[in-house]
Amino acid sequence: MKKLTLLLAAVAAMCLSVEAQEVKQGVFEVGDYTNASEFYNGSYFDMAPTNFYLDHFASQMMYLYFSDFASEFAGKQNVKLTAIYYKFNDQSVYTDILADYKFYLQEVDVNEFQKDADGYKLYFDCVNAGDPAVSGAFEYEAFTSYGEDVEIKVDLSSAPFAITPGKNLVVTAVFDLTGECMSSSEDAPFYTSDIRDRVMTYSDNNDSFLDYANSSDYPRCSLSLSGGGTSVSLPVTRIEYTYTEGGSTSKRGDVNKDGSVSIADVTALIDYLLSGDDTNVDVEAANCNLSEDGVNIADVTALIDFLLGGTW
C-alpha cells in the first residue's frame, strides 16, 4: 500500500509539473484557396482530389511539410490537422453527384514518389497501412449549384492528425460514385499550376482503387490502367490545425535526450512516471501521443508502438 501511495503521489506530482499550454487555431493555404481562379483544364484523368466522370477515382497528394511550410509551423508545438478543404467550380447541369469517399493520411520521410526498376512511379502504401482518417458520403445537386464553387471538406476534428516536424504529409483521396457519372468534363478543381509532380491519380470504370490495392500490380502506377496521371498539379488546399506555443523543439520520443529513440527511452519514461524525477528527462519529448493531458502511461504505449511499427 505504501508503494502504491508513493506511485500515485509521484504521478500526480509529475502531472502538475507539466504546465498546460493554450491550444490555438491556425489555417494555411496551398495556393491561393480563398481567391482561387485557375481551373484545371487538362485531361480529367489527371484531376485531384477527384473527378466525376468515371465510376472510380483516387488521387494521392504529397504535401512537403518541411520545405514548404517550415515557416508556417515555426515555434508551434503539438500541431494537429483538424480539417482539409478542396473546391471546384460546378459548370455542368447534367446530373447530381453521389459518391462514397475515404481519405487516408500518412507521414513519410521522402519528398517524392518512388520508382520501381522499370521506372514506374509507386503509390505510398496507405491502404494496407491502416484505416482511413475519415470516410463518408459526398453529394451535391448539379442544378442548384451550377456556376458555383463547391467545397469538399475532410473533417478530422473527431480524430485530429498529429504532424511530426520534418515529415512530409501524404493524403490519399478515394472516391467511388454511387450514382451516375457525369457526361461532360466541365467540372474542374482549382489547382496550383506551379506545384507539380506531387500528385498521382487512379481512374477506372470497373475496379476501385481499393480493389487495385489488393492486386499484384499495386503499388505501381501502371500505364495499362484506363487512367493514371503521374505528374499532376496539387489542387488548391485549405488546412486547419490546432497547436500550442512555447517550449523547445524536442525530438518526439527521445525521453532520455541522447539524440535517438530506442528502448532506453521506454525505460526512462517508465522511471519518470514512477519517480516523478525529470532531471534527465525531456518532458516535452515524453509526451509521445501528443496528448493535451500531459505525460502518462498512454505515452509508454505510444512509444512502444512506434518502436515496433516505425511510425507514430
C-alpha atoms as a PDB file:
ATOM      1  CA  MET A   1       0.000   0.000   0.000  1.00  0.00           C
ATOM      2  CA  LYS A   2       2.853   2.358   0.814  1.00  0.00           C
ATOM      3  CA  LYS A   3       4.456   1.760  -2.613  1.00  0.00           C
ATOM      4  CA  LEU A   4       1.121   2.374  -4.337  1.00  0.00           C
ATOM      5  CA  THR A   5       0.662   5.626  -2.427  1.00  0.00           C
ATOM      6  CA  LEU A   6       4.143   6.780  -3.384  1.00  0.00           C
ATOM      7  CA  LEU A   7       3.499   5.877  -7.042  1.00  0.00           C
ATOM      8  CA  LEU A   8       0.239   7.817  -7.160  1.00  0.00           C
ATOM      9  CA  ALA A   9       1.879  10.784  -5.472  1.00  0.00           C
ATOM     10  CA  ALA A  10       4.749  10.718  -7.935  1.00  0.00           C
ATOM     11  CA  VAL A  11       2.439  10.554 -10.933  1.00  0.00           C
ATOM     12  CA  ALA A  12       0.325  13.373  -9.530  1.00  0.00           C
ATOM     13  CA  ALA A  13       3.416  15.492  -8.998  1.00  0.00           C
ATOM     14  CA  MET A  14       4.564  14.724 -12.500  1.00  0.00           C
ATOM     15  CA  CYS A  15       1.238  15.778 -13.977  1.00  0.00           C
ATOM     16  CA  LEU A  16       1.390  19.062 -12.085  1.00  0.00           C
ATOM     17  CA  SER A  17       4.907  19.673 -13.343  1.00  0.00           C
ATOM     18  CA  VAL A  18       3.758  19.517 -16.978  1.00  0.00           C
ATOM     19  CA  GLU A  19       2.435  23.011 -17.477  1.00  0.00           C
ATOM     20  CA  ALA A  20      -0.757  23.198 -19.522  1.00  0.00           C
ATOM     21  CA  GLN A  21      -0.499  25.204 -22.711  1.00  0.00           C
ATOM     22  CA  GLU A  22      -3.230  27.085 -24.517  1.00  0.00           C
ATOM     23  CA  VAL A  23      -4.461  25.328 -27.632  1.00  0.00           C
ATOM     24  CA  LYS A  24      -4.713  27.762 -30.548  1.00  0.00           C
ATOM     25  CA  GLN A  25      -6.221  27.593 -34.042  1.00  0.00           C
ATOM     26  CA  GLY A  26      -4.293  28.018 -37.265  1.00  0.00           C
ATOM     27  CA  VAL A  27      -5.007  27.978 -41.010  1.00  0.00           C
ATOM     28  CA  PHE A  28      -2.744  27.843 -44.043  1.00  0.00           C
ATOM     29  CA  GLU A  29      -3.383  27.520 -47.740  1.00  0.00           C
ATOM     30  CA  VAL A  30      -1.617  25.644 -50.510  1.00  0.00           C
ATOM     31  CA  GLY A  31      -2.064  28.010 -53.417  1.00  0.00           C
ATOM     32  CA  ASP A  32      -4.498  30.880 -53.070  1.00  0.00           C
ATOM     33  CA  TYR A  33      -7.501  28.932 -51.815  1.00  0.00           C
ATOM     34  CA  THR A  34      -9.547  31.963 -50.852  1.00  0.00           C
ATOM     35  CA  ASN A  35      -9.195  33.725 -54.199  1.00  0.00           C
ATOM     36  CA  ALA A  36      -8.570  30.727 -56.450  1.00  0.00           C
ATOM     37  CA  SER A  37      -9.434  31.410 -60.079  1.00  0.00           C
ATOM     38  CA  GLU A  38      -7.416  28.925 -62.124  1.00  0.00           C
ATOM     39  CA  PHE A  39      -9.215  25.717 -63.142  1.00  0.00           C
ATOM     40  CA  TYR A  40      -7.517  22.520 -64.130  1.00  0.00           C
ATOM     41  CA  ASN A  41      -8.015  22.259 -67.896  1.00  0.00           C
ATOM     42  CA  GLY A  42      -6.055  19.149 -68.828  1.00  0.00           C
ATOM     43  CA  SER A  43      -7.156  15.537 -69.031  1.00  0.00           C
ATOM     44  CA  TYR A  44      -9.820  14.672 -66.481  1.00  0.00           C
ATOM     45  CA  PHE A  45      -7.762  11.572 -65.664  1.00  0.00           C
ATOM     46  CA  ASP A  46      -5.239  13.928 -64.087  1.00  0.00           C
ATOM     47  CA  MET A  47      -7.522  15.877 -61.761  1.00  0.00           C
ATOM     48  CA  ALA A  48      -7.235  15.873 -57.983  1.00  0.00           C
ATOM     49  CA  PRO A  49      -8.621  15.165 -55.486  1.00  0.00           C
ATOM     50  CA  THR A  50     -11.323  13.640 -57.736  1.00  0.00           C
ATOM     51  CA  ASN A  51     -13.256  13.837 -60.963  1.00  0.00           C
ATOM     52  CA  PHE A  52     -16.871  12.883 -61.562  1.00  0.00           C
ATOM     53  CA  TYR A  53     -16.610  11.313 -64.997  1.00  0.00           C
ATOM     54  CA  LEU A  54     -15.716   7.741 -64.066  1.00  0.00           C
ATOM     55  CA  ASP A  55     -17.167   5.346 -61.507  1.00  0.00           C
ATOM     56  CA  HIS A  56     -13.919   5.052 -59.526  1.00  0.00           C
ATOM     57  CA  PHE A  57     -11.268   7.662 -58.870  1.00  0.00           C
ATOM     58  CA  ALA A  58      -8.427   8.163 -56.428  1.00  0.00           C
ATOM     59  CA  SER A  59      -5.555  10.572 -56.018  1.00  0.00           C
ATOM     60  CA  GLN A  60      -2.522  10.571 -53.766  1.00  0.00           C
ATOM     61  CA  MET A  61      -1.264  14.043 -52.903  1.00  0.00           C
ATOM     62  CA  MET A  62       2.066  14.816 -51.248  1.00  0.00           C
ATOM     63  CA  TYR A  63       2.456  17.980 -49.187  1.00  0.00           C
ATOM     64  CA  LEU A  64       6.063  18.740 -48.331  1.00  0.00           C
ATOM     65  CA  TYR A  65       5.840  19.759 -44.701  1.00  0.00           C
ATOM     66  CA  PHE A  66       9.398  20.784 -44.015  1.00  0.00           C
ATOM     67  CA  SER A  67      10.405  22.586 -47.193  1.00  0.00           C
ATOM     68  CA  ASP A  68       7.056  24.214 -47.967  1.00  0.00           C
ATOM     69  CA  PHE A  69       5.619  25.040 -44.579  1.00  0.00           C
ATOM     70  CA  ALA A  70       8.544  25.262 -42.158  1.00  0.00           C
ATOM     71  CA  SER A  71       7.929  28.972 -41.570  1.00  0.00           C
ATOM     72  CA  GLU A  72       4.213  28.357 -41.062  1.00  0.00           C
ATOM     73  CA  PHE A  73       4.854  25.991 -38.145  1.00  0.00           C
ATOM     74  CA  ALA A  74       7.969  27.617 -36.678  1.00  0.00           C
ATOM     75  CA  GLY A  75       7.697  27.756 -32.889  1.00  0.00           C
ATOM     76  CA  LYS A  76       4.429  25.812 -32.861  1.00  0.00           C
ATOM     77  CA  GLN A  77       4.153  22.589 -30.900  1.00  0.00           C
ATOM     78  CA  ASN A  78       1.660  19.703 -30.961  1.00  0.00           C
ATOM     79  CA  VAL A  79       0.399  20.575 -34.453  1.00  0.00           C
ATOM     80  CA  LYS A  80      -2.721  18.571 -35.301  1.00  0.00           C
ATOM     81  CA  LEU A  81      -4.705  18.789 -38.519  1.00  0.00           C
ATOM     82  CA  THR A  82      -8.440  19.241 -37.918  1.00  0.00           C
ATOM     83  CA  ALA A  83      -9.804  19.830 -41.440  1.00  0.00           C
ATOM     84  CA  ILE A  84      -8.704  19.822 -45.091  1.00  0.00           C
ATOM     85  CA  TYR A  85     -10.703  21.602 -47.808  1.00  0.00           C
ATOM     86  CA  TYR A  86     -10.731  21.341 -51.605  1.00  0.00           C
ATOM     87  CA  LYS A  87     -13.015  23.139 -54.009  1.00  0.00           C
ATOM     88  CA  PHE A  88     -14.068  23.065 -57.643  1.00  0.00           C
ATOM     89  CA  ASN A  89     -16.448  25.013 -59.818  1.00  0.00           C
ATOM     90  CA  ASP A  90     -19.667  23.373 -60.993  1.00  0.00           C
ATOM     91  CA  GLN A  91     -20.076  24.182 -64.663  1.00  0.00           C
ATOM     92  CA  SER A  92     -22.361  21.285 -65.538  1.00  0.00           C
ATOM     93  CA  VAL A  93     -26.089  20.677 -65.128  1.00  0.00           C
ATOM     94  CA  TYR A  94     -26.198  17.080 -66.332  1.00  0.00           C
ATOM     95  CA  THR A  95     -26.640  15.082 -63.170  1.00  0.00           C
ATOM     96  CA  ASP A  96     -26.466  15.126 -59.386  1.00  0.00           C
ATOM     97  CA  ILE A  97     -23.282  13.751 -57.892  1.00  0.00           C
ATOM     98  CA  LEU A  98     -23.354  10.956 -55.306  1.00  0.00           C
ATOM     99  CA  ALA A  99     -20.143   9.310 -54.114  1.00  0.00           C
ATOM    100  CA  ASP A 100     -18.649   7.412 -51.209  1.00  0.00           C
ATOM    101  CA  TYR A 101     -15.244   8.690 -50.146  1.00  0.00           C
ATOM    102  CA  LYS A 102     -12.339   7.672 -47.941  1.00  0.00           C
ATOM    103  CA  PHE A 103      -9.336   9.821 -47.034  1.00  0.00           C
ATOM    104  CA  TYR A 104      -6.117   8.248 -45.786  1.00  0.00           C
ATOM    105  CA  LEU A 105      -3.386  10.350 -44.132  1.00  0.00           C
ATOM    106  CA  GLN A 106       0.191   9.269 -43.529  1.00  0.00           C
ATOM    107  CA  GLU A 107       3.624  10.758 -42.923  1.00  0.00           C
ATOM    108  CA  VAL A 108       6.687   9.826 -44.974  1.00  0.00           C
ATOM    109  CA  ASP A 109      10.390  10.660 -44.828  1.00  0.00           C
ATOM    110  CA  VAL A 110      10.928  11.078 -48.581  1.00  0.00           C
ATOM    111  CA  ASN A 111       9.970  14.129 -50.615  1.00  0.00           C
ATOM    112  CA  GLU A 112       8.991  12.481 -53.900  1.00  0.00           C
ATOM    113  CA  PHE A 113       7.198   9.430 -55.229  1.00  0.00           C
ATOM    114  CA  GLN A 114       9.475   6.421 -55.529  1.00  0.00           C
ATOM    115  CA  LYS A 115      10.006   4.376 -58.717  1.00  0.00           C
ATOM    116  CA  ASP A 116      10.482   0.688 -59.365  1.00  0.00           C
ATOM    117  CA  ALA A 117      13.180  -0.901 -61.528  1.00  0.00           C
ATOM    118  CA  ASP A 118      11.088  -0.325 -64.652  1.00  0.00           C
ATOM    119  CA  GLY A 119      10.668   3.381 -63.955  1.00  0.00           C
ATOM    120  CA  TYR A 120       7.033   3.283 -62.876  1.00  0.00           C
ATOM    121  CA  LYS A 121       6.055   5.617 -60.059  1.00  0.00           C
ATOM    122  CA  LEU A 122       4.816   3.901 -56.904  1.00  0.00           C
ATOM    123  CA  TYR A 123       1.902   4.865 -54.693  1.00  0.00           C
ATOM    124  CA  PHE A 124       2.627   5.087 -50.990  1.00  0.00           C
ATOM    125  CA  ASP A 125       1.023   2.025 -49.454  1.00  0.00           C
ATOM    126  CA  CYS A 126      -1.594   3.893 -47.443  1.00  0.00           C
ATOM    127  CA  VAL A 127      -4.479   1.465 -47.833  1.00  0.00           C
ATOM    128  CA  ASN A 128      -2.753  -1.521 -46.268  1.00  0.00           C
ATOM    129  CA  ALA A 129      -1.131   0.596 -43.549  1.00  0.00           C
ATOM    130  CA  GLY A 130      -4.279   1.415 -41.595  1.00  0.00           C
ATOM    131  CA  ASP A 131      -7.851   2.637 -41.536  1.00  0.00           C
ATOM    132  CA  PRO A 132      -8.883   5.831 -43.339  1.00  0.00           C
ATOM    133  CA  ALA A 133      -8.689   9.030 -41.322  1.00  0.00           C
ATOM    134  CA  VAL A 134     -12.255   9.812 -42.384  1.00  0.00           C
ATOM    135  CA  SER A 135     -14.933   8.327 -44.627  1.00  0.00           C
ATOM    136  CA  GLY A 136     -18.448   9.280 -45.635  1.00  0.00           C
ATOM    137  CA  ALA A 137     -20.790  10.211 -48.472  1.00  0.00           C
ATOM    138  CA  PHE A 138     -20.482  13.247 -50.731  1.00  0.00           C
ATOM    139  CA  GLU A 139     -23.246  14.729 -52.830  1.00  0.00           C
ATOM    140  CA  TYR A 140     -24.383  17.914 -54.476  1.00  0.00           C
ATOM    141  CA  GLU A 141     -27.278  18.780 -56.696  1.00  0.00           C
ATOM    142  CA  ALA A 142     -25.957  19.876 -60.061  1.00  0.00           C
ATOM    143  CA  PHE A 143     -28.902  22.109 -60.924  1.00  0.00           C
ATOM    144  CA  THR A 144     -28.795  24.058 -57.674  1.00  0.00           C
ATOM    145  CA  SER A 145     -25.009  24.531 -57.652  1.00  0.00           C
ATOM    146  CA  TYR A 146     -24.495  25.363 -61.331  1.00  0.00           C
ATOM    147  CA  GLY A 147     -21.895  28.101 -61.708  1.00  0.00           C
ATOM    148  CA  GLU A 148     -20.963  27.982 -58.019  1.00  0.00           C
ATOM    149  CA  ASP A 149     -17.869  26.845 -56.158  1.00  0.00           C
ATOM    150  CA  VAL A 150     -18.469  23.512 -54.445  1.00  0.00           C
ATOM    151  CA  GLU A 151     -16.361  22.559 -51.444  1.00  0.00           C
ATOM    152  CA  ILE A 152     -15.163  19.169 -50.252  1.00  0.00           C
ATOM    153  CA  LYS A 153     -14.385  19.150 -46.531  1.00  0.00           C
ATOM    154  CA  VAL A 154     -12.308  16.425 -44.905  1.00  0.00           C
ATOM    155  CA  ASP A 155     -13.374  16.830 -41.273  1.00  0.00           C
ATOM    156  CA  LEU A 156     -10.723  15.464 -38.897  1.00  0.00           C
ATOM    157  CA  SER A 157     -11.982  17.187 -35.761  1.00  0.00           C
ATOM    158  CA  SER A 158     -13.098  13.954 -34.087  1.00  0.00           C
ATOM    159  CA  ALA A 159      -9.610  12.455 -34.524  1.00  0.00           C
ATOM    160  CA  PRO A 160      -7.064  15.204 -35.328  1.00  0.00           C
ATOM    161  CA  PHE A 161      -3.986  14.058 -37.240  1.00  0.00           C
ATOM    162  CA  ALA A 162      -0.711  14.881 -35.464  1.00  0.00           C
ATOM    163  CA  ILE A 163       2.106  16.278 -37.607  1.00  0.00           C
ATOM    164  CA  THR A 164       5.750  15.436 -36.888  1.00  0.00           C
ATOM    165  CA  PRO A 165       8.310  18.177 -37.696  1.00  0.00           C
ATOM    166  CA  GLY A 166      10.426  17.202 -40.676  1.00  0.00           C
ATOM    167  CA  LYS A 167       7.955  14.661 -42.050  1.00  0.00           C
ATOM    168  CA  ASN A 168       6.008  15.037 -45.291  1.00  0.00           C
ATOM    169  CA  LEU A 169       2.265  14.552 -45.452  1.00  0.00           C
ATOM    170  CA  VAL A 170       0.552  12.264 -47.966  1.00  0.00           C
ATOM    171  CA  VAL A 171      -3.227  12.492 -48.429  1.00  0.00           C
ATOM    172  CA  THR A 172      -4.948   9.738 -50.409  1.00  0.00           C
ATOM    173  CA  ALA A 173      -8.491  10.504 -51.570  1.00  0.00           C
ATOM    174  CA  VAL A 174     -10.620   7.593 -52.779  1.00  0.00           C
ATOM    175  CA  PHE A 175     -13.970   8.326 -54.461  1.00  0.00           C
ATOM    176  CA  ASP A 176     -16.416   5.705 -55.695  1.00  0.00           C
ATOM    177  CA  LEU A 177     -19.539   7.049 -57.394  1.00  0.00           C
ATOM    178  CA  THR A 178     -22.808   5.572 -56.210  1.00  0.00           C
ATOM    179  CA  GLY A 179     -24.945   7.420 -58.760  1.00  0.00           C
ATOM    180  CA  GLU A 180     -24.434   8.234 -62.414  1.00  0.00           C
ATOM    181  CA  CYS A 181     -21.102   9.571 -63.550  1.00  0.00           C
ATOM    182  CA  MET A 182     -21.067  12.841 -65.456  1.00  0.00           C
ATOM    183  CA  SER A 183     -21.208  13.039 -69.237  1.00  0.00           C
ATOM    184  CA  SER A 184     -19.038  16.127 -69.576  1.00  0.00           C
ATOM    185  CA  SER A 185     -15.653  17.287 -68.358  1.00  0.00           C
ATOM    186  CA  GLU A 186     -16.599  20.797 -67.372  1.00  0.00           C
ATOM    187  CA  ASP A 187     -16.432  20.426 -63.602  1.00  0.00           C
ATOM    188  CA  ALA A 188     -12.840  21.144 -62.640  1.00  0.00           C
ATOM    189  CA  PRO A 189     -10.972  21.672 -59.384  1.00  0.00           C
ATOM    190  CA  PHE A 190      -8.996  24.817 -58.732  1.00  0.00           C
ATOM    191  CA  TYR A 191      -5.325  23.983 -58.878  1.00  0.00           C
ATOM    192  CA  THR A 192      -1.775  25.260 -58.426  1.00  0.00           C
ATOM    193  CA  SER A 193      -0.086  25.229 -61.816  1.00  0.00           C
ATOM    194  CA  ASP A 194       3.328  25.895 -60.251  1.00  0.00           C
ATOM    195  CA  ILE A 195       3.308  22.905 -57.872  1.00  0.00           C
ATOM    196  CA  ARG A 196       3.561  19.770 -59.994  1.00  0.00           C
ATOM    197  CA  ASP A 197       4.726  16.171 -59.587  1.00  0.00           C
ATOM    198  CA  ARG A 198       3.138  15.996 -56.133  1.00  0.00           C
ATOM    199  CA  VAL A 199       0.063  14.016 -57.202  1.00  0.00           C
ATOM    200  CA  MET A 200      -0.630  10.615 -58.717  1.00  0.00           C
ATOM    201  CA  THR A 201      -4.120   9.630 -59.792  1.00  0.00           C
ATOM    202  CA  TYR A 202      -6.008   6.419 -60.461  1.00  0.00           C
ATOM    203  CA  SER A 203      -9.191   6.185 -62.509  1.00  0.00           C
ATOM    204  CA  ASP A 204     -11.188   3.211 -63.735  1.00  0.00           C
ATOM    205  CA  ASN A 205     -14.786   2.411 -64.633  1.00  0.00           C
ATOM    206  CA  ASN A 206     -14.638  -1.170 -63.399  1.00  0.00           C
ATOM    207  CA  ASP A 207     -12.457  -1.513 -60.310  1.00  0.00           C
ATOM    208  CA  SER A 208     -11.990   0.786 -57.336  1.00  0.00           C
ATOM    209  CA  PHE A 209      -8.624   1.894 -56.004  1.00  0.00           C
ATOM    210  CA  LEU A 210      -9.150  -0.399 -53.026  1.00  0.00           C
ATOM    211  CA  ASP A 211      -9.560  -3.342 -55.407  1.00  0.00           C
ATOM    212  CA  TYR A 212      -6.406  -2.282 -57.192  1.00  0.00           C
ATOM    213  CA  ALA A 213      -4.578  -2.087 -53.844  1.00  0.00           C
ATOM    214  CA  ASN A 214      -5.125  -5.820 -53.455  1.00  0.00           C
ATOM    215  CA  SER A 215      -3.871  -6.674 -56.938  1.00  0.00           C
ATOM    216  CA  SER A 216      -0.402  -7.852 -57.957  1.00  0.00           C
ATOM    217  CA  ASP A 217       0.285  -4.557 -59.787  1.00  0.00           C
ATOM    218  CA  TYR A 218      -0.065  -2.394 -56.680  1.00  0.00           C
ATOM    219  CA  PRO A 219       1.586  -0.045 -55.722  1.00  0.00           C
ATOM    220  CA  ARG A 220       2.811   0.632 -59.272  1.00  0.00           C
ATOM    221  CA  CYS A 221       1.015   3.389 -61.157  1.00  0.00           C
ATOM    222  CA  SER A 222       0.672   1.326 -64.296  1.00  0.00           C
ATOM    223  CA  LEU A 223       0.099   2.941 -67.655  1.00  0.00           C
ATOM    224  CA  SER A 224      -2.088  -0.045 -68.523  1.00  0.00           C
ATOM    225  CA  LEU A 225      -4.824   1.398 -66.319  1.00  0.00           C
ATOM    226  CA  SER A 226      -7.587   3.255 -68.102  1.00  0.00           C
ATOM    227  CA  GLY A 227      -6.203   6.365 -66.480  1.00  0.00           C
ATOM    228  CA  GLY A 228      -3.257   7.070 -64.239  1.00  0.00           C
ATOM    229  CA  GLY A 229      -1.790  10.545 -64.025  1.00  0.00           C
ATOM    230  CA  THR A 230       1.741  10.651 -62.642  1.00  0.00           C
ATOM    231  CA  SER A 231       2.656  14.326 -62.989  1.00  0.00           C
ATOM    232  CA  VAL A 232      -0.334  16.208 -61.686  1.00  0.00           C
ATOM    233  CA  SER A 233      -0.662  19.648 -60.125  1.00  0.00           C
ATOM    234  CA  LEU A 234      -1.640  19.977 -56.488  1.00  0.00           C
ATOM    235  CA  PRO A 235      -5.187  21.241 -56.036  1.00  0.00           C
ATOM    236  CA  VAL A 236      -5.523  24.421 -54.009  1.00  0.00           C
ATOM    237  CA  THR A 237      -5.968  23.326 -50.429  1.00  0.00           C
ATOM    238  CA  ARG A 238      -7.034  24.891 -47.158  1.00  0.00           C
ATOM    239  CA  ILE A 239      -5.764  23.180 -43.999  1.00  0.00           C
ATOM    240  CA  GLU A 240      -6.971  23.972 -40.491  1.00  0.00           C
ATOM    241  CA  TYR A 241      -4.988  22.877 -37.452  1.00  0.00           C
ATOM    242  CA  THR A 242      -4.505  23.350 -33.724  1.00  0.00           C
ATOM    243  CA  TYR A 243      -1.215  23.967 -31.946  1.00  0.00           C
ATOM    244  CA  THR A 244       0.446  25.127 -28.757  1.00  0.00           C
ATOM    245  CA  GLU A 245       3.343  27.521 -28.327  1.00  0.00           C
ATOM    246  CA  GLY A 246       6.414  27.674 -26.140  1.00  0.00           C
ATOM    247  CA  GLY A 247       8.997  25.167 -25.059  1.00  0.00           C
ATOM    248  CA  SER A 248      11.844  23.717 -27.021  1.00  0.00           C
ATOM    249  CA  THR A 249      11.525  21.804 -30.266  1.00  0.00           C
ATOM    250  CA  SER A 250      12.122  18.383 -28.753  1.00  0.00           C
ATOM    251  CA  LYS A 251      12.517  15.170 -30.696  1.00  0.00           C
ATOM    252  CA  ARG A 252       9.383  13.155 -30.084  1.00  0.00           C
ATOM    253  CA  GLY A 253      10.128  10.026 -28.040  1.00  0.00           C
ATOM    254  CA  ASP A 254      13.714  10.981 -27.145  1.00  0.00           C
ATOM    255  CA  VAL A 255      12.909  10.888 -23.439  1.00  0.00           C
ATOM    256  CA  ASN A 256      16.484  10.457 -22.203  1.00  0.00           C
ATOM    257  CA  LYS A 257      17.831  13.183 -24.518  1.00  0.00           C
ATOM    258  CA  ASP A 258      20.510  11.046 -26.161  1.00  0.00           C
ATOM    259  CA  GLY A 259      19.552  12.076 -29.705  1.00  0.00           C
ATOM    260  CA  SER A 260      17.837   8.833 -30.726  1.00  0.00           C
ATOM    261  CA  VAL A 261      14.625   6.970 -29.933  1.00  0.00           C
ATOM    262  CA  SER A 262      15.143   3.455 -28.583  1.00  0.00           C
ATOM    263  CA  ILE A 263      14.106   1.008 -25.874  1.00  0.00           C
ATOM    264  CA  ALA A 264      16.212   3.069 -23.475  1.00  0.00           C
ATOM    265  CA  ASP A 265      13.625   5.831 -23.797  1.00  0.00           C
ATOM    266  CA  VAL A 266      10.876   3.429 -22.730  1.00  0.00           C
ATOM    267  CA  THR A 267      12.858   2.660 -19.583  1.00  0.00           C
ATOM    268  CA  ALA A 268      13.470   6.356 -18.955  1.00  0.00           C
ATOM    269  CA  LEU A 269       9.781   7.154 -19.416  1.00  0.00           C
ATOM    270  CA  ILE A 270       8.637   4.431 -17.027  1.00  0.00           C
ATOM    271  CA  ASP A 271      11.215   5.533 -14.447  1.00  0.00           C
ATOM    272  CA  TYR A 272       9.915   9.076 -14.807  1.00  0.00           C
ATOM    273  CA  LEU A 273       6.312   8.034 -14.262  1.00  0.00           C
ATOM    274  CA  LEU A 274       7.304   6.056 -11.170  1.00  0.00           C
ATOM    275  CA  SER A 275       9.611   8.644  -9.618  1.00  0.00           C
ATOM    276  CA  GLY A 276       8.462  11.997 -10.957  1.00  0.00           C
ATOM    277  CA  ASP A 277      12.127  12.964 -11.277  1.00  0.00           C
ATOM    278  CA  ASP A 278      12.649  14.818 -14.552  1.00  0.00           C
ATOM    279  CA  THR A 279      16.339  15.602 -14.010  1.00  0.00           C
ATOM    280  CA  ASN A 280      17.466  13.569 -17.028  1.00  0.00           C
ATOM    281  CA  VAL A 281      14.176  13.573 -18.923  1.00  0.00           C
ATOM    282  CA  ASP A 282      12.827  15.743 -21.746  1.00  0.00           C
ATOM    283  CA  VAL A 283       9.225  16.071 -20.586  1.00  0.00           C
ATOM    284  CA  GLU A 284       8.085  17.540 -23.891  1.00  0.00           C
ATOM    285  CA  ALA A 285       9.568  14.639 -25.855  1.00  0.00           C
ATOM    286  CA  ALA A 286       7.975  12.234 -23.351  1.00  0.00           C
ATOM    287  CA  ASN A 287       4.508  13.327 -24.494  1.00  0.00           C
ATOM    288  CA  CYS A 288       4.686  10.680 -27.222  1.00  0.00           C
ATOM    289  CA  ASN A 289       0.990  10.639 -28.118  1.00  0.00           C
ATOM    290  CA  LEU A 290       0.880  14.472 -28.234  1.00  0.00           C
ATOM    291  CA  SER A 291      -1.995  14.481 -25.781  1.00  0.00           C
ATOM    292  CA  GLU A 292      -3.110  17.648 -24.061  1.00  0.00           C
ATOM    293  CA  ASP A 293      -3.463  15.614 -20.837  1.00  0.00           C
ATOM    294  CA  GLY A 294       0.253  15.638 -20.057  1.00  0.00           C
ATOM    295  CA  VAL A 295       2.523  12.609 -19.778  1.00  0.00           C
ATOM    296  CA  ASN A 296       1.054   9.321 -18.592  1.00  0.00           C
ATOM    297  CA  ILE A 297       1.052   5.574 -19.186  1.00  0.00           C
ATOM    298  CA  ALA A 298      -0.569   6.082 -22.622  1.00  0.00           C
ATOM    299  CA  ASP A 299       2.707   7.648 -23.771  1.00  0.00           C
ATOM    300  CA  VAL A 300       4.548   4.440 -22.900  1.00  0.00           C
ATOM    301  CA  THR A 301       2.150   2.537 -25.146  1.00  0.00           C
ATOM    302  CA  ALA A 302       2.603   5.092 -27.959  1.00  0.00           C
ATOM    303  CA  LEU A 303       6.398   4.883 -27.677  1.00  0.00           C
ATOM    304  CA  ILE A 304       6.432   1.073 -27.761  1.00  0.00           C
ATOM    305  CA  ASP A 305       4.074   1.093 -30.773  1.00  0.00           C
ATOM    306  CA  PHE A 306       6.472   3.471 -32.536  1.00  0.00           C
ATOM    307  CA  LEU A 307       9.480   1.263 -31.849  1.00  0.00           C
ATOM    308  CA  LEU A 308       7.599  -1.784 -33.130  1.00  0.00           C
ATOM    309  CA  GLY A 309       5.935  -0.182 -36.150  1.00  0.00           C
ATOM    310  CA  GLY A 310       8.279   2.646 -37.097  1.00  0.00           C
ATOM    311  CA  THR A 311       5.526   5.278 -37.323  1.00  0.00           C
ATOM    312  CA  TRP A 312       3.683   7.425 -34.815  1.00  0.00           C
END
